[in-house]
Amino acid sequence: MYRVKVGCQLSYATTVATPAVFIVQPPPHTRHMLVKEELQAVAATVTGEFSDIFGNRCQRVLFGAGENVLRYDAIITVSPELDVVR
């Protein structure tokens, strides 16, 4: 198994408190295993999580007025086998 680090950092500026929904986390899958993950919000508040009809993990976020940062980091293990191309 290979260990892969994945992540992103998203920055937003708002003039008023603004609700949003983000899909930044990988959905559950048999071809990878989530070892560790961290979701950080700076000047924003993560208010909940839900799964959409496609199985995506969605985060509800409330941005505060001003600069906001949402950061996601994870370690995932994946098989060394190649994906089958059809």
N, C-alpha and C. Protein backbone atom coordinates (compact mmCIF):
# COMPACT_ATOMS: atom_id res chain seq x y z
N MET A 1 0.84 -1.18 0.00
CA MET A 1 0.00 0.00 0.00
C MET A 1 0.89 1.25 0.00
N TYR A 2 0.44 2.25 -0.72
CA TYR A 2 1.13 3.54 -0.75
C TYR A 2 0.38 4.52 0.15
N ARG A 3 1.15 5.37 0.82
CA ARG A 3 0.56 6.46 1.61
C ARG A 3 0.66 7.73 0.78
N VAL A 4 -0.47 8.41 0.61
CA VAL A 4 -0.53 9.61 -0.21
C VAL A 4 -1.09 10.75 0.65
N LYS A 5 -0.42 11.90 0.60
CA LYS A 5 -0.93 13.09 1.29
C LYS A 5 -1.76 13.90 0.30
N VAL A 6 -2.96 14.25 0.70
CA VAL A 6 -3.85 15.06 -0.14
C VAL A 6 -4.34 16.25 0.67
N GLY A 7 -4.73 17.30 -0.02
CA GLY A 7 -5.28 18.43 0.70
C GLY A 7 -5.49 19.64 -0.18
N CYS A 8 -6.04 20.68 0.42
CA CYS A 8 -6.27 21.93 -0.28
C CYS A 8 -6.41 23.05 0.74
N GLN A 9 -6.23 24.27 0.25
CA GLN A 9 -6.48 25.45 1.06
C GLN A 9 -7.28 26.42 0.21
N LEU A 10 -8.42 26.86 0.74
CA LEU A 10 -9.31 27.76 0.02
C LEU A 10 -9.46 29.04 0.83
N SER A 11 -9.28 30.17 0.18
CA SER A 11 -9.40 31.47 0.84
C SER A 11 -10.55 32.26 0.22
N TYR A 12 -11.35 32.86 1.09
CA TYR A 12 -12.50 33.64 0.64
C TYR A 12 -12.58 34.93 1.45
N ALA A 13 -12.99 36.00 0.79
CA ALA A 13 -13.26 37.27 1.47
C ALA A 13 -14.73 37.58 1.29
N THR A 14 -15.40 37.88 2.39
CA THR A 14 -16.82 38.21 2.34
C THR A 14 -17.06 39.53 3.08
N THR A 15 -18.10 40.22 2.70
CA THR A 15 -18.43 41.49 3.35
C THR A 15 -19.43 41.29 4.49
N VAL A 16 -20.16 40.18 4.45
CA VAL A 16 -21.12 39.83 5.51
C VAL A 16 -20.99 38.34 5.79
N ALA A 17 -21.54 37.90 6.91
CA ALA A 17 -21.55 36.46 7.21
C ALA A 17 -22.24 35.73 6.06
N THR A 18 -21.59 34.65 5.57
CA THR A 18 -22.07 33.97 4.38
C THR A 18 -22.05 32.45 4.57
N PRO A 19 -23.20 31.77 4.44
CA PRO A 19 -23.19 30.31 4.52
C PRO A 19 -22.71 29.71 3.20
N ALA A 20 -22.07 28.53 3.30
CA ALA A 20 -21.57 27.84 2.10
C ALA A 20 -21.53 26.34 2.37
N VAL A 21 -21.44 25.57 1.29
CA VAL A 21 -21.26 24.12 1.37
C VAL A 21 -20.05 23.75 0.54
N PHE A 22 -19.16 22.91 1.10
CA PHE A 22 -17.95 22.49 0.40
C PHE A 22 -17.86 20.98 0.34
N ILE A 23 -17.29 20.49 -0.76
CA ILE A 23 -16.96 19.07 -0.89
C ILE A 23 -15.45 19.02 -1.10
N VAL A 24 -14.71 18.80 -0.01
CA VAL A 24 -13.25 18.74 -0.10
C VAL A 24 -12.70 17.41 0.39
N GLN A 25 -13.51 16.62 1.07
CA GLN A 25 -13.05 15.35 1.62
C GLN A 25 -13.39 14.21 0.66
N PRO A 26 -12.49 13.22 0.54
CA PRO A 26 -12.80 12.10 -0.35
C PRO A 26 -13.94 11.25 0.21
N PRO A 27 -14.81 10.74 -0.68
CA PRO A 27 -15.89 9.87 -0.21
C PRO A 27 -15.34 8.49 0.13
N PRO A 28 -16.04 7.72 0.95
CA PRO A 28 -15.60 6.36 1.24
C PRO A 28 -15.52 5.53 -0.05
N HIS A 29 -14.49 4.71 -0.14
CA HIS A 29 -14.31 3.89 -1.34
C HIS A 29 -13.48 2.67 -0.96
N THR A 30 -13.70 1.56 -1.65
CA THR A 30 -12.96 0.33 -1.35
C THR A 30 -11.52 0.39 -1.83
N ARG A 31 -11.17 1.32 -2.75
CA ARG A 31 -9.82 1.38 -3.31
C ARG A 31 -8.87 2.26 -2.51
N HIS A 32 -9.37 2.94 -1.50
CA HIS A 32 -8.48 3.71 -0.63
C HIS A 32 -9.00 3.69 0.81
N MET A 33 -8.08 3.96 1.74
CA MET A 33 -8.46 4.00 3.14
C MET A 33 -7.95 5.31 3.74
N LEU A 34 -8.81 6.00 4.41
CA LEU A 34 -8.46 7.25 5.06
C LEU A 34 -7.75 6.93 6.37
N VAL A 35 -6.49 7.36 6.50
CA VAL A 35 -5.70 7.09 7.69
C VAL A 35 -5.87 8.22 8.70
N LYS A 36 -5.78 9.45 8.22
CA LYS A 36 -5.84 10.63 9.09
C LYS A 36 -6.36 11.80 8.27
N GLU A 37 -7.19 12.64 8.89
CA GLU A 37 -7.65 13.83 8.19
C GLU A 37 -7.86 14.96 9.19
N GLU A 38 -7.77 16.19 8.66
CA GLU A 38 -7.99 17.36 9.49
C GLU A 38 -8.60 18.45 8.62
N LEU A 39 -9.69 19.05 9.12
CA LEU A 39 -10.34 20.17 8.46
C LEU A 39 -10.21 21.36 9.40
N GLN A 40 -9.57 22.42 8.93
CA GLN A 40 -9.38 23.62 9.75
C GLN A 40 -10.13 24.78 9.11
N ALA A 41 -10.72 25.60 9.96
CA ALA A 41 -11.41 26.80 9.50
C ALA A 41 -10.85 27.99 10.26
N VAL A 42 -10.41 29.01 9.53
CA VAL A 42 -9.89 30.23 10.13
C VAL A 42 -10.89 31.35 9.82
N ALA A 43 -11.43 31.96 10.85
CA ALA A 43 -12.45 33.02 10.74
C ALA A 43 -13.76 32.48 10.16
N ALA A 44 -13.89 31.19 10.06
CA ALA A 44 -15.12 30.55 9.59
C ALA A 44 -15.49 29.47 10.61
N THR A 45 -16.74 29.04 10.57
CA THR A 45 -17.20 28.01 11.49
C THR A 45 -17.80 26.86 10.69
N VAL A 46 -17.29 25.64 10.93
CA VAL A 46 -17.88 24.46 10.31
C VAL A 46 -19.11 24.11 11.15
N THR A 47 -20.27 24.13 10.53
CA THR A 47 -21.52 23.97 11.28
C THR A 47 -22.16 22.60 11.14
N GLY A 48 -21.64 21.75 10.25
CA GLY A 48 -22.21 20.41 10.11
C GLY A 48 -21.68 19.68 8.90
N GLU A 49 -21.98 18.41 8.85
CA GLU A 49 -21.57 17.55 7.72
C GLU A 49 -22.76 16.71 7.30
N PHE A 50 -22.85 16.44 6.00
CA PHE A 50 -23.88 15.54 5.49
C PHE A 50 -23.36 14.87 4.23
N SER A 51 -24.01 13.80 3.81
CA SER A 51 -23.68 13.12 2.56
C SER A 51 -24.75 13.46 1.54
N ASP A 52 -24.31 13.81 0.33
CA ASP A 52 -25.28 14.11 -0.71
C ASP A 52 -25.74 12.81 -1.37
N ILE A 53 -26.60 12.90 -2.39
CA ILE A 53 -27.16 11.69 -3.00
C ILE A 53 -26.12 10.87 -3.76
N PHE A 54 -24.92 11.44 -4.00
CA PHE A 54 -23.86 10.72 -4.69
C PHE A 54 -22.85 10.13 -3.72
N GLY A 55 -23.06 10.32 -2.42
CA GLY A 55 -22.15 9.79 -1.41
C GLY A 55 -21.01 10.72 -1.05
N ASN A 56 -21.00 11.95 -1.59
CA ASN A 56 -19.96 12.92 -1.26
C ASN A 56 -20.15 13.44 0.16
N ARG A 57 -19.04 13.64 0.85
CA ARG A 57 -19.07 14.21 2.19
C ARG A 57 -19.06 15.73 2.06
N CYS A 58 -20.12 16.35 2.50
CA CYS A 58 -20.30 17.80 2.34
C CYS A 58 -20.19 18.48 3.70
N GLN A 59 -19.49 19.60 3.73
CA GLN A 59 -19.33 20.39 4.95
C GLN A 59 -20.11 21.69 4.84
N ARG A 60 -20.95 21.97 5.82
CA ARG A 60 -21.62 23.27 5.91
C ARG A 60 -20.68 24.22 6.67
N VAL A 61 -20.48 25.40 6.11
CA VAL A 61 -19.56 26.37 6.69
C VAL A 61 -20.25 27.72 6.75
N LEU A 62 -19.97 28.46 7.81
CA LEU A 62 -20.43 29.85 7.90
C LEU A 62 -19.20 30.74 7.92
N PHE A 63 -19.02 31.50 6.83
CA PHE A 63 -17.91 32.45 6.76
C PHE A 63 -18.26 33.70 7.55
N GLY A 64 -17.28 34.23 8.27
CA GLY A 64 -17.46 35.51 8.93
C GLY A 64 -17.14 36.63 7.94
N ALA A 65 -17.55 37.83 8.25
CA ALA A 65 -17.20 38.97 7.39
C ALA A 65 -15.69 39.15 7.42
N GLY A 66 -15.08 39.33 6.24
CA GLY A 66 -13.63 39.49 6.15
C GLY A 66 -12.97 38.30 5.48
N GLU A 67 -11.68 38.10 5.78
CA GLU A 67 -10.91 37.00 5.20
C GLU A 67 -11.21 35.69 5.92
N ASN A 68 -11.42 34.62 5.16
CA ASN A 68 -11.70 33.29 5.69
C ASN A 68 -10.82 32.27 4.98
N VAL A 69 -10.40 31.25 5.72
CA VAL A 69 -9.58 30.18 5.14
C VAL A 69 -10.17 28.84 5.57
N LEU A 70 -10.28 27.93 4.62
CA LEU A 70 -10.69 26.55 4.87
C LEU A 70 -9.55 25.67 4.38
N ARG A 71 -9.00 24.82 5.26
CA ARG A 71 -7.85 23.99 4.92
C ARG A 71 -8.17 22.53 5.25
N TYR A 72 -7.87 21.65 4.29
CA TYR A 72 -8.09 20.21 4.48
C TYR A 72 -6.79 19.48 4.18
N ASP A 73 -6.39 18.59 5.08
CA ASP A 73 -5.21 17.74 4.90
C ASP A 73 -5.57 16.32 5.31
N ALA A 74 -5.06 15.35 4.54
CA ALA A 74 -5.34 13.94 4.86
C ALA A 74 -4.20 13.06 4.39
N ILE A 75 -4.10 11.91 5.03
CA ILE A 75 -3.21 10.82 4.59
C ILE A 75 -4.12 9.67 4.20
N ILE A 76 -3.92 9.15 2.99
CA ILE A 76 -4.74 8.07 2.46
C ILE A 76 -3.83 6.95 2.00
N THR A 77 -4.23 5.72 2.22
CA THR A 77 -3.48 4.59 1.67
C THR A 77 -4.22 4.10 0.43
N VAL A 78 -3.44 3.80 -0.62
CA VAL A 78 -4.00 3.30 -1.87
C VAL A 78 -3.21 2.06 -2.30
N SER A 79 -3.83 1.24 -3.09
CA SER A 79 -3.21 0.04 -3.61
C SER A 79 -2.16 0.40 -4.65
N PRO A 80 -1.06 -0.36 -4.73
CA PRO A 80 -0.07 -0.11 -5.79
C PRO A 80 -0.53 -0.60 -7.16
N GLU A 81 -1.67 -1.32 -7.20
CA GLU A 81 -2.17 -1.81 -8.48
C GLU A 81 -2.73 -0.67 -9.32
N LEU A 82 -2.55 -0.76 -10.63
CA LEU A 82 -3.05 0.27 -11.55
C LEU A 82 -4.55 0.15 -11.69
N ASP A 83 -5.20 1.30 -11.95
CA ASP A 83 -6.63 1.30 -12.25
C ASP A 83 -6.84 0.70 -13.64
N VAL A 84 -7.92 -0.04 -13.79
CA VAL A 84 -8.26 -0.61 -15.08
C VAL A 84 -8.90 0.47 -15.93
N VAL A 85 -8.39 0.66 -17.14
CA VAL A 85 -8.94 1.65 -18.06
C VAL A 85 -9.90 0.93 -19.01
N ARG A 86 -11.11 1.45 -19.11
CA ARG A 86 -12.11 0.79 -19.97
C ARG A 86 -12.43 1.65 -21.15
